[in-house]
Amino acid sequence: MGLIEKAEWEASHPENLFPFTLFVLGRLKKNGIKIAVLSRNSGKSVCRVFPNLDQYADAFLPRESVLRPKPDPEHLRQAMNLLNVLPQKTVMVGDHPIDVLSGKKAGTFTIGVLSGRIEEREIKAVGADLIVPDISYLIGLLEE
């Protein structure tokens, strides 16, 4: 675990936060959307990339805060419990097949984001309900 945490820390830099993240999360929050951030990375590494995460998310569940991280659905279910929301009122948004699998297993709608890390065919293969080119598309979906 020490080697994993060291590699995560070395790879985590504030400039790695996707460009639209603050705008999109701020806009969603302004519109009353409850936001949880789930990560298979350590909280320390995530907060290094996103130091003001607490201003944008109502809940943050890094790897060490759950017994079984995603793709196990318990990671997402714990977030839904914290936010007091039902699966049918929840959307799991992520840029990796693990995110989509977690949402599917937990009974939520899933949106795959093409951040450049994973190819579209990989997100399609796990059954994302919707695929968007980047997270900024969530704003358009919200306003529809």
C-alpha atoms as a PDB file:
ATOM      1  CA  MET A   1       0.000   0.000   0.000  1.00  0.00           C
ATOM      2  CA  GLY A   2       2.908   2.318   0.691  1.00  0.00           C
ATOM      3  CA  LEU A   3       4.163   1.959  -2.883  1.00  0.00           C
ATOM      4  CA  ILE A   4       0.701   2.705  -4.281  1.00  0.00           C
ATOM      5  CA  GLU A   5       0.327   5.796  -2.117  1.00  0.00           C
ATOM      6  CA  LYS A   6       3.797   7.002  -3.079  1.00  0.00           C
ATOM      7  CA  ALA A   7       3.002   6.613  -6.800  1.00  0.00           C
ATOM      8  CA  GLU A   8      -0.343   8.403  -6.372  1.00  0.00           C
ATOM      9  CA  TRP A   9       1.311  11.265  -4.509  1.00  0.00           C
ATOM     10  CA  GLU A  10       4.021  11.662  -7.129  1.00  0.00           C
ATOM     11  CA  ALA A  11       1.400  11.719  -9.902  1.00  0.00           C
ATOM     12  CA  SER A  12      -0.918  14.181  -8.146  1.00  0.00           C
ATOM     13  CA  HIS A  13      -0.562  17.837  -9.078  1.00  0.00           C
ATOM     14  CA  PRO A  14      -3.144  20.640  -9.049  1.00  0.00           C
ATOM     15  CA  GLU A  15      -2.712  21.154 -12.796  1.00  0.00           C
ATOM     16  CA  ASN A  16      -4.121  17.630 -13.316  1.00  0.00           C
ATOM     17  CA  LEU A  17      -7.630  18.804 -12.412  1.00  0.00           C
ATOM     18  CA  PHE A  18      -9.698  18.793 -15.599  1.00  0.00           C
ATOM     19  CA  PRO A  19     -10.265  22.337 -16.930  1.00  0.00           C
ATOM     20  CA  PHE A  20     -14.086  22.362 -16.662  1.00  0.00           C
ATOM     21  CA  THR A  21     -14.273  20.768 -13.219  1.00  0.00           C
ATOM     22  CA  LEU A  22     -14.656  23.843 -11.007  1.00  0.00           C
ATOM     23  CA  PHE A  23     -17.123  25.553 -13.342  1.00  0.00           C
ATOM     24  CA  VAL A  24     -19.280  22.455 -13.773  1.00  0.00           C
ATOM     25  CA  LEU A  25     -19.341  21.431 -10.123  1.00  0.00           C
ATOM     26  CA  GLY A  26     -20.018  25.016  -9.058  1.00  0.00           C
ATOM     27  CA  ARG A  27     -22.902  25.300 -11.506  1.00  0.00           C
ATOM     28  CA  LEU A  28     -24.389  21.954 -10.471  1.00  0.00           C
ATOM     29  CA  LYS A  29     -24.171  22.900  -6.803  1.00  0.00           C
ATOM     30  CA  LYS A  30     -25.751  26.291  -7.515  1.00  0.00           C
ATOM     31  CA  ASN A  31     -28.666  24.425  -9.099  1.00  0.00           C
ATOM     32  CA  GLY A  32     -29.190  22.345  -5.962  1.00  0.00           C
ATOM     33  CA  ILE A  33     -27.567  19.146  -7.198  1.00  0.00           C
ATOM     34  CA  LYS A  34     -26.002  17.082  -4.411  1.00  0.00           C
ATOM     35  CA  ILE A  35     -22.442  16.084  -5.314  1.00  0.00           C
ATOM     36  CA  ALA A  36     -20.296  13.263  -4.027  1.00  0.00           C
ATOM     37  CA  VAL A  37     -16.765  12.571  -5.196  1.00  0.00           C
ATOM     38  CA  LEU A  38     -15.689   8.926  -5.041  1.00  0.00           C
ATOM     39  CA  SER A  39     -12.106   7.910  -5.666  1.00  0.00           C
ATOM     40  CA  ARG A  40     -10.056   4.742  -5.674  1.00  0.00           C
ATOM     41  CA  ASN A  41      -7.093   7.010  -4.859  1.00  0.00           C
ATOM     42  CA  SER A  42      -6.112   8.166  -1.392  1.00  0.00           C
ATOM     43  CA  GLY A  43      -7.766  11.237   0.039  1.00  0.00           C
ATOM     44  CA  LYS A  44      -4.366  12.856   0.477  1.00  0.00           C
ATOM     45  CA  SER A  45      -3.580  12.551  -3.248  1.00  0.00           C
ATOM     46  CA  VAL A  46      -7.036  13.688  -4.373  1.00  0.00           C
ATOM     47  CA  CYS A  47      -6.870  16.749  -2.119  1.00  0.00           C
ATOM     48  CA  ARG A  48      -3.468  17.620  -3.543  1.00  0.00           C
ATOM     49  CA  VAL A  49      -5.015  17.776  -7.023  1.00  0.00           C
ATOM     50  CA  PHE A  50      -8.241  19.380  -5.796  1.00  0.00           C
ATOM     51  CA  PRO A  51      -7.378  21.281  -2.576  1.00  0.00           C
ATOM     52  CA  ASN A  52     -10.740  23.059  -2.280  1.00  0.00           C
ATOM     53  CA  LEU A  53     -12.841  19.964  -2.975  1.00  0.00           C
ATOM     54  CA  ASP A  54     -14.909  20.557   0.157  1.00  0.00           C
ATOM     55  CA  GLN A  55     -16.287  23.755  -1.412  1.00  0.00           C
ATOM     56  CA  TYR A  56     -17.681  21.811  -4.367  1.00  0.00           C
ATOM     57  CA  ALA A  57     -18.708  18.414  -2.996  1.00  0.00           C
ATOM     58  CA  ASP A  58     -21.239  17.533  -0.335  1.00  0.00           C
ATOM     59  CA  ALA A  59     -19.436  14.245   0.296  1.00  0.00           C
ATOM     60  CA  PHE A  60     -15.974  12.902  -0.465  1.00  0.00           C
ATOM     61  CA  LEU A  61     -15.209   9.201  -0.239  1.00  0.00           C
ATOM     62  CA  PRO A  62     -11.622   8.297  -1.078  1.00  0.00           C
ATOM     63  CA  ARG A  63     -10.395   4.703  -1.059  1.00  0.00           C
ATOM     64  CA  GLU A  64      -9.633   4.630   2.659  1.00  0.00           C
ATOM     65  CA  SER A  65     -13.129   5.732   3.675  1.00  0.00           C
ATOM     66  CA  VAL A  66     -14.821   2.550   2.426  1.00  0.00           C
ATOM     67  CA  LEU A  67     -14.284  -1.159   2.969  1.00  0.00           C
ATOM     68  CA  ARG A  68     -14.674  -1.994  -0.726  1.00  0.00           C
ATOM     69  CA  PRO A  69     -13.992   0.776  -3.272  1.00  0.00           C
ATOM     70  CA  LYS A  70     -15.560   0.958  -6.707  1.00  0.00           C
ATOM     71  CA  PRO A  71     -16.350  -0.957  -8.838  1.00  0.00           C
ATOM     72  CA  ASP A  72     -17.954  -2.503  -5.758  1.00  0.00           C
ATOM     73  CA  PRO A  73     -21.360  -0.799  -5.541  1.00  0.00           C
ATOM     74  CA  GLU A  74     -20.957  -0.250  -1.790  1.00  0.00           C
ATOM     75  CA  HIS A  75     -18.680   2.729  -2.513  1.00  0.00           C
ATOM     76  CA  LEU A  76     -21.479   4.477  -4.396  1.00  0.00           C
ATOM     77  CA  ARG A  77     -24.180   3.235  -2.027  1.00  0.00           C
ATOM     78  CA  GLN A  78     -22.301   4.780   0.892  1.00  0.00           C
ATOM     79  CA  ALA A  79     -22.243   8.116  -0.960  1.00  0.00           C
ATOM     80  CA  MET A  80     -25.982   7.869  -1.684  1.00  0.00           C
ATOM     81  CA  ASN A  81     -26.620   7.156   2.007  1.00  0.00           C
ATOM     82  CA  LEU A  82     -24.577  10.190   3.044  1.00  0.00           C
ATOM     83  CA  LEU A  83     -26.506  12.390   0.614  1.00  0.00           C
ATOM     84  CA  ASN A  84     -29.831  10.719   1.422  1.00  0.00           C
ATOM     85  CA  VAL A  85     -30.657   9.995  -2.232  1.00  0.00           C
ATOM     86  CA  LEU A  86     -32.145   6.958  -3.934  1.00  0.00           C
ATOM     87  CA  PRO A  87     -30.443   5.098  -6.808  1.00  0.00           C
ATOM     88  CA  GLN A  88     -33.203   6.113  -9.245  1.00  0.00           C
ATOM     89  CA  LYS A  89     -32.455   9.764  -8.415  1.00  0.00           C
ATOM     90  CA  THR A  90     -28.678   9.344  -8.756  1.00  0.00           C
ATOM     91  CA  VAL A  91     -26.333   9.720 -11.710  1.00  0.00           C
ATOM     92  CA  MET A  92     -22.868   8.192 -11.586  1.00  0.00           C
ATOM     93  CA  VAL A  93     -20.514  10.235 -13.752  1.00  0.00           C
ATOM     94  CA  GLY A  94     -17.014   9.031 -14.482  1.00  0.00           C
ATOM     95  CA  ASP A  95     -14.256   8.703 -17.032  1.00  0.00           C
ATOM     96  CA  HIS A  96     -13.373   5.063 -16.440  1.00  0.00           C
ATOM     97  CA  PRO A  97     -15.243   1.771 -16.970  1.00  0.00           C
ATOM     98  CA  ILE A  98     -14.963   1.161 -13.211  1.00  0.00           C
ATOM     99  CA  ASP A  99     -17.158   4.223 -12.593  1.00  0.00           C
ATOM    100  CA  VAL A 100     -19.828   2.990 -14.992  1.00  0.00           C
ATOM    101  CA  LEU A 101     -19.723  -0.526 -13.535  1.00  0.00           C
ATOM    102  CA  SER A 102     -20.134   0.867 -10.034  1.00  0.00           C
ATOM    103  CA  GLY A 103     -23.166   2.886 -11.102  1.00  0.00           C
ATOM    104  CA  LYS A 104     -24.718  -0.034 -12.943  1.00  0.00           C
ATOM    105  CA  LYS A 105     -24.267  -2.363  -9.962  1.00  0.00           C
ATOM    106  CA  ALA A 106     -25.770   0.263  -7.623  1.00  0.00           C
ATOM    107  CA  GLY A 107     -28.797   0.816  -9.888  1.00  0.00           C
ATOM    108  CA  THR A 108     -28.063   4.395 -10.999  1.00  0.00           C
ATOM    109  CA  PHE A 109     -28.070   6.120 -14.368  1.00  0.00           C
ATOM    110  CA  THR A 110     -24.510   6.288 -15.689  1.00  0.00           C
ATOM    111  CA  ILE A 111     -22.659   8.866 -17.759  1.00  0.00           C
ATOM    112  CA  GLY A 112     -19.272   8.074 -19.232  1.00  0.00           C
ATOM    113  CA  VAL A 113     -16.998  11.048 -19.825  1.00  0.00           C
ATOM    114  CA  LEU A 114     -14.367  10.894 -22.563  1.00  0.00           C
ATOM    115  CA  SER A 115     -11.509  12.598 -20.753  1.00  0.00           C
ATOM    116  CA  GLY A 116      -8.860  11.130 -23.031  1.00  0.00           C
ATOM    117  CA  ARG A 117      -7.732   8.431 -20.600  1.00  0.00           C
ATOM    118  CA  ILE A 118     -10.084   5.738 -21.895  1.00  0.00           C
ATOM    119  CA  GLU A 119     -11.430   5.120 -25.379  1.00  0.00           C
ATOM    120  CA  GLU A 120     -15.141   5.460 -26.112  1.00  0.00           C
ATOM    121  CA  ARG A 121     -15.446   1.778 -27.028  1.00  0.00           C
ATOM    122  CA  GLU A 122     -14.307   0.833 -23.506  1.00  0.00           C
ATOM    123  CA  ILE A 123     -17.013   2.999 -21.919  1.00  0.00           C
ATOM    124  CA  LYS A 124     -19.622   1.628 -24.333  1.00  0.00           C
ATOM    125  CA  ALA A 125     -18.553  -1.935 -23.578  1.00  0.00           C
ATOM    126  CA  VAL A 126     -19.587  -1.621 -19.923  1.00  0.00           C
ATOM    127  CA  GLY A 127     -22.991  -0.183 -20.822  1.00  0.00           C
ATOM    128  CA  ALA A 128     -22.888   3.531 -19.998  1.00  0.00           C
ATOM    129  CA  ASP A 129     -26.365   5.012 -20.376  1.00  0.00           C
ATOM    130  CA  LEU A 130     -24.902   8.135 -21.939  1.00  0.00           C
ATOM    131  CA  ILE A 131     -21.435   9.126 -23.149  1.00  0.00           C
ATOM    132  CA  VAL A 132     -20.308  12.756 -23.340  1.00  0.00           C
ATOM    133  CA  PRO A 133     -17.108  14.275 -24.764  1.00  0.00           C
ATOM    134  CA  ASP A 134     -16.285  16.155 -21.545  1.00  0.00           C
ATOM    135  CA  ILE A 135     -17.810  17.042 -18.205  1.00  0.00           C
ATOM    136  CA  SER A 136     -19.001  20.467 -19.406  1.00  0.00           C
ATOM    137  CA  TYR A 137     -21.830  18.662 -21.230  1.00  0.00           C
ATOM    138  CA  LEU A 138     -23.446  18.087 -17.850  1.00  0.00           C
ATOM    139  CA  ILE A 139     -24.409  21.758 -17.778  1.00  0.00           C
ATOM    140  CA  GLY A 140     -26.385  21.414 -21.013  1.00  0.00           C
ATOM    141  CA  LEU A 141     -28.107  18.292 -19.688  1.00  0.00           C
ATOM    142  CA  LEU A 142     -29.033  20.104 -16.484  1.00  0.00           C
ATOM    143  CA  GLU A 143     -30.534  23.029 -18.370  1.00  0.00           C
ATOM    144  CA  GLU A 144     -32.664  20.834 -20.684  1.00  0.00           C
END
